C-alpha cells in the first residue's frame, strides 16, 4: 500500500469519526447553554468537555517501543498527533482522542465501513482492532470508556491481524492513552 494513499485513508477515517455517526443529537461534545429556572435565577452553565492535546497521551518512547524503530513526535492537528520516523513527513502512528458515545464495535463499523474485520481485544473496558480493507494489516486500535474514545492509527506498522500479542501491545498503549486523558 502506498504511504500517501494510506495516509489519505487514515485522514478520511479520522474526519468521519470527528464529524459523523448516527445518534439522538445529544452527543457528549454538544455545548450546553444556561437555562433560566422557574424562580428567575439562572442555572449554572454546563461546560463542554474538551479533548486533550493528543501528543500528551503517549510518549515518544512508547511510540518507538510499539513501532520497533525510532519515532519522533510531530504536532497535534485535527487528524491527531503523529509519530514519525526521523526525516519523514508521514506518521507511522497517529493518536486521536474524541468524544463519542456508544460501544466501540458499532462506532468502528460506522467510522471504518470498508474494514474487513473488527476484532474485539480483551484489553481495557471496550477495545477493538480494525483491519485494512484488504484485511492484511491492522489499520487502527480503538478503545473507549465513558464517552471518551482513543484511536491509534497504526496501518504503517503492518501488524498482522493474526498477531494477537502485537494487537494487545497496541491496545495496551491505547488504553494507557485513554487513562492519561484528564
Protein backbone atom coordinates (compact mmCIF):
# COMPACT_ATOMS: atom_id res chain seq x y z
CA UNK A 1 0.00 0.00 0.00
CA UNK A 2 1.44 3.37 -0.92
CA UNK A 3 2.01 5.62 2.08
CA UNK A 4 0.27 8.64 0.55
CA UNK A 5 -2.88 6.65 -0.23
CA UNK A 6 -2.90 5.04 3.19
CA UNK A 7 -2.34 8.40 4.91
CA UNK A 8 -5.27 9.84 2.98
CA UNK A 9 -7.44 6.93 4.11
CA UNK A 10 -6.40 7.44 7.74
CA UNK A 11 -7.22 11.13 7.47
CA UNK A 12 -10.63 10.45 5.99
CA UNK A 13 -11.39 7.87 8.68
CA UNK A 14 -10.44 10.33 11.42
CA UNK A 15 -12.63 13.01 9.86
CA UNK A 16 -15.50 10.53 9.69
CA UNK A 17 -15.05 9.84 13.40
CA UNK A 18 -14.97 13.53 14.24
CA UNK A 19 -17.93 14.52 12.12
CA UNK A 20 -20.28 11.68 12.00
CA UNK A 21 -22.24 8.96 13.44
CA UNK A 22 -25.89 8.46 13.90
CA UNK A 23 -27.38 9.39 17.20
CA UNK A 24 -30.08 11.18 19.05
CA UNK A 25 -28.39 14.54 18.51
CA UNK A 26 -27.18 14.68 22.12
CA UNK A 27 -23.53 13.82 21.63
CA UNK A 28 -21.09 14.10 24.50
CA UNK A 29 -19.44 17.07 22.80
CA UNK A 30 -22.62 19.15 22.44
CA UNK A 31 -22.40 22.51 24.13
CA UNK A 32 -24.92 23.03 26.90
CA UNK A 33 -26.36 26.50 27.36
CA UNK A 34 -27.54 28.22 30.51
CA UNK A 35 -31.23 27.89 31.26
CA UNK A 36 -33.44 30.08 33.39
CA UNK A 37 -35.05 28.26 36.29
CA UNK A 38 -38.69 28.92 37.23
CA UNK A 39 -37.66 31.15 40.15
CA UNK A 40 -35.96 33.55 37.72
CA UNK A 41 -32.36 32.69 38.60
CA UNK A 42 -30.04 31.30 36.00
CA UNK A 43 -28.81 27.77 36.31
CA UNK A 44 -25.03 27.40 36.13
CA UNK A 45 -23.70 26.80 32.64
CA UNK A 46 -22.68 23.26 31.86
CA UNK A 47 -19.21 23.09 30.46
CA UNK A 48 -18.26 21.19 27.35
CA UNK A 49 -15.61 18.58 27.92
CA UNK A 50 -12.63 19.20 25.72
CA UNK A 51 -10.39 16.65 24.11
CA UNK A 52 -6.81 16.63 25.35
CA UNK A 53 -3.67 17.51 23.43
CA UNK A 54 -3.25 14.24 21.52
CA UNK A 55 0.53 14.47 21.86
CA UNK A 56 0.21 14.31 25.66
CA UNK A 57 -1.40 10.86 25.58
CA UNK A 58 1.61 8.71 24.68
CA UNK A 59 5.31 9.39 24.83
CA UNK A 60 7.83 9.28 22.02
CA UNK A 61 9.45 6.34 23.83
CA UNK A 62 6.16 4.40 23.96
CA UNK A 63 5.50 5.01 20.26
CA UNK A 64 9.07 3.91 19.44
CA UNK A 65 8.66 0.75 21.52
CA UNK A 66 5.43 -0.17 19.70
CA UNK A 67 6.92 0.51 16.28
CA UNK A 68 10.22 -1.24 17.00
CA UNK A 69 12.18 1.64 15.44
CA UNK A 70 12.81 5.31 16.26
CA UNK A 71 9.86 7.67 16.01
CA UNK A 72 9.68 11.39 16.75
CA UNK A 73 6.59 13.23 17.90
CA UNK A 74 5.04 15.58 15.35
CA UNK A 75 2.48 18.26 16.00
CA UNK A 76 -1.13 17.93 17.11
CA UNK A 77 -3.81 18.60 14.49
CA UNK A 78 -7.41 17.73 13.70
CA UNK A 79 -6.09 14.38 12.48
CA UNK A 80 -4.36 13.68 15.79
CA UNK A 81 -0.74 13.60 16.90
CA UNK A 82 1.65 11.84 14.57
CA UNK A 83 4.77 9.92 15.48
CA UNK A 84 7.15 9.88 12.51
CA UNK A 85 10.42 8.19 11.60
CA UNK A 86 13.27 10.75 11.67
CA UNK A 87 13.35 12.71 8.41
CA UNK A 88 9.90 11.53 7.33
CA UNK A 89 6.82 13.63 6.77
CA UNK A 90 4.42 10.68 7.19
CA UNK A 91 3.38 9.43 10.62
CA UNK A 92 3.58 5.71 11.35
CA UNK A 93 1.43 6.10 14.48
CA UNK A 94 -1.32 8.67 14.94
CA UNK A 95 -3.09 9.21 18.28
CA UNK A 96 -6.52 10.83 18.22
CA UNK A 97 -8.85 11.46 21.17
CA UNK A 98 -12.55 12.01 20.51
CA UNK A 99 -15.75 12.42 22.47
CA UNK A 100 -18.14 9.71 21.27
CA UNK A 101 -20.87 7.74 22.98
CA UNK A 102 -21.59 4.13 22.09
CA UNK A 103 -19.83 0.82 22.01
CA UNK A 104 -16.55 0.77 20.12
CA UNK A 105 -17.52 -2.03 17.71
CA UNK A 106 -20.52 -0.04 16.47
CA UNK A 107 -18.50 3.18 16.25
CA UNK A 108 -15.73 1.35 14.39
CA UNK A 109 -18.23 -0.08 11.90
CA UNK A 110 -19.54 3.46 11.26
CA UNK A 111 -16.08 5.03 11.03
CA UNK A 112 -14.46 2.23 9.01
CA UNK A 113 -17.17 0.99 6.60
CA UNK A 114 -14.57 -0.70 4.36
CA UNK A 115 -12.79 -2.61 7.12
CA UNK A 116 -12.53 -6.34 6.53
CA UNK A 117 -12.76 -7.21 10.24
CA UNK A 118 -13.44 -5.53 13.55
CA UNK A 119 -11.66 -7.67 16.12
CA UNK A 120 -12.59 -7.46 19.83
CA UNK A 121 -9.49 -7.12 22.02
CA UNK A 122 -9.52 -8.22 25.65
CA UNK A 123 -7.65 -5.15 26.90
CA UNK A 124 -9.38 -2.24 28.62
CA UNK A 125 -13.09 -1.66 29.04
CA UNK A 126 -14.13 -1.62 25.35
CA UNK A 127 -11.41 -2.13 22.73
CA UNK A 128 -11.27 -3.30 19.12
CA UNK A 129 -8.74 -3.61 16.33
CA UNK A 130 -9.84 -2.65 12.81
CA UNK A 131 -8.27 -4.20 9.72
CA UNK A 132 -7.47 -2.52 6.44
CA UNK A 133 -9.94 -3.02 3.57
CA UNK A 134 -7.66 -5.73 2.17
CA UNK A 135 -7.53 -7.45 5.58
CA UNK A 136 -3.74 -7.76 5.53
CA UNK A 137 -2.93 -5.40 8.44
CA UNK A 138 -4.42 -3.66 11.44
CA UNK A 139 -5.38 -0.11 10.49
CA UNK A 140 -6.32 1.13 13.97
CA UNK A 141 -6.83 0.10 17.55
CA UNK A 142 -9.69 1.89 19.28
CA UNK A 143 -10.62 1.96 22.95
CA UNK A 144 -13.32 3.84 24.82
CA UNK A 145 -14.79 4.46 28.24
CA UNK A 146 -17.43 6.89 29.45
CA UNK A 147 -17.88 8.72 26.15
CA UNK A 148 -14.12 9.13 25.64
CA UNK A 149 -12.50 7.35 22.73
CA UNK A 150 -8.84 7.00 21.74
CA UNK A 151 -7.74 5.72 18.35
CA UNK A 152 -4.22 4.64 17.48
CA UNK A 153 -3.91 4.63 13.70
CA UNK A 154 -1.11 2.12 13.10
CA UNK A 155 -1.53 0.96 9.50
CA UNK A 156 2.14 1.57 8.64
CA UNK A 157 3.29 -0.79 11.40
CA UNK A 158 1.85 -3.63 9.27
CA UNK A 159 0.62 -5.62 12.26
CA UNK A 160 -0.82 -8.93 11.07
CA UNK A 161 -4.47 -9.44 12.12
CA UNK A 162 -3.45 -12.89 13.40
CA UNK A 163 -0.70 -11.49 15.67
CA UNK A 164 -2.66 -11.32 18.92
CA UNK A 165 0.37 -10.33 21.02
CA UNK A 166 1.15 -7.28 18.83
CA UNK A 167 -2.53 -6.27 18.72
CA UNK A 168 -2.71 -6.48 22.52
CA UNK A 169 0.50 -4.44 22.78
CA UNK A 170 -1.07 -1.70 20.64
CA UNK A 171 -4.35 -1.95 22.58
CA UNK A 172 -2.48 -1.60 25.88
CA UNK A 173 -0.89 1.61 24.60
CA UNK A 174 -4.32 2.89 23.51
CA UNK A 175 -5.73 2.14 26.97
CA UNK A 176 -2.73 3.92 28.53
CA UNK A 177 -3.51 6.96 26.37
CA UNK A 178 -7.16 6.84 27.46
CA UNK A 179 -6.09 6.61 31.11
CA UNK A 180 -3.95 9.75 30.70
CA UNK A 181 -6.91 11.79 29.46
CA UNK A 182 -7.56 14.07 32.45
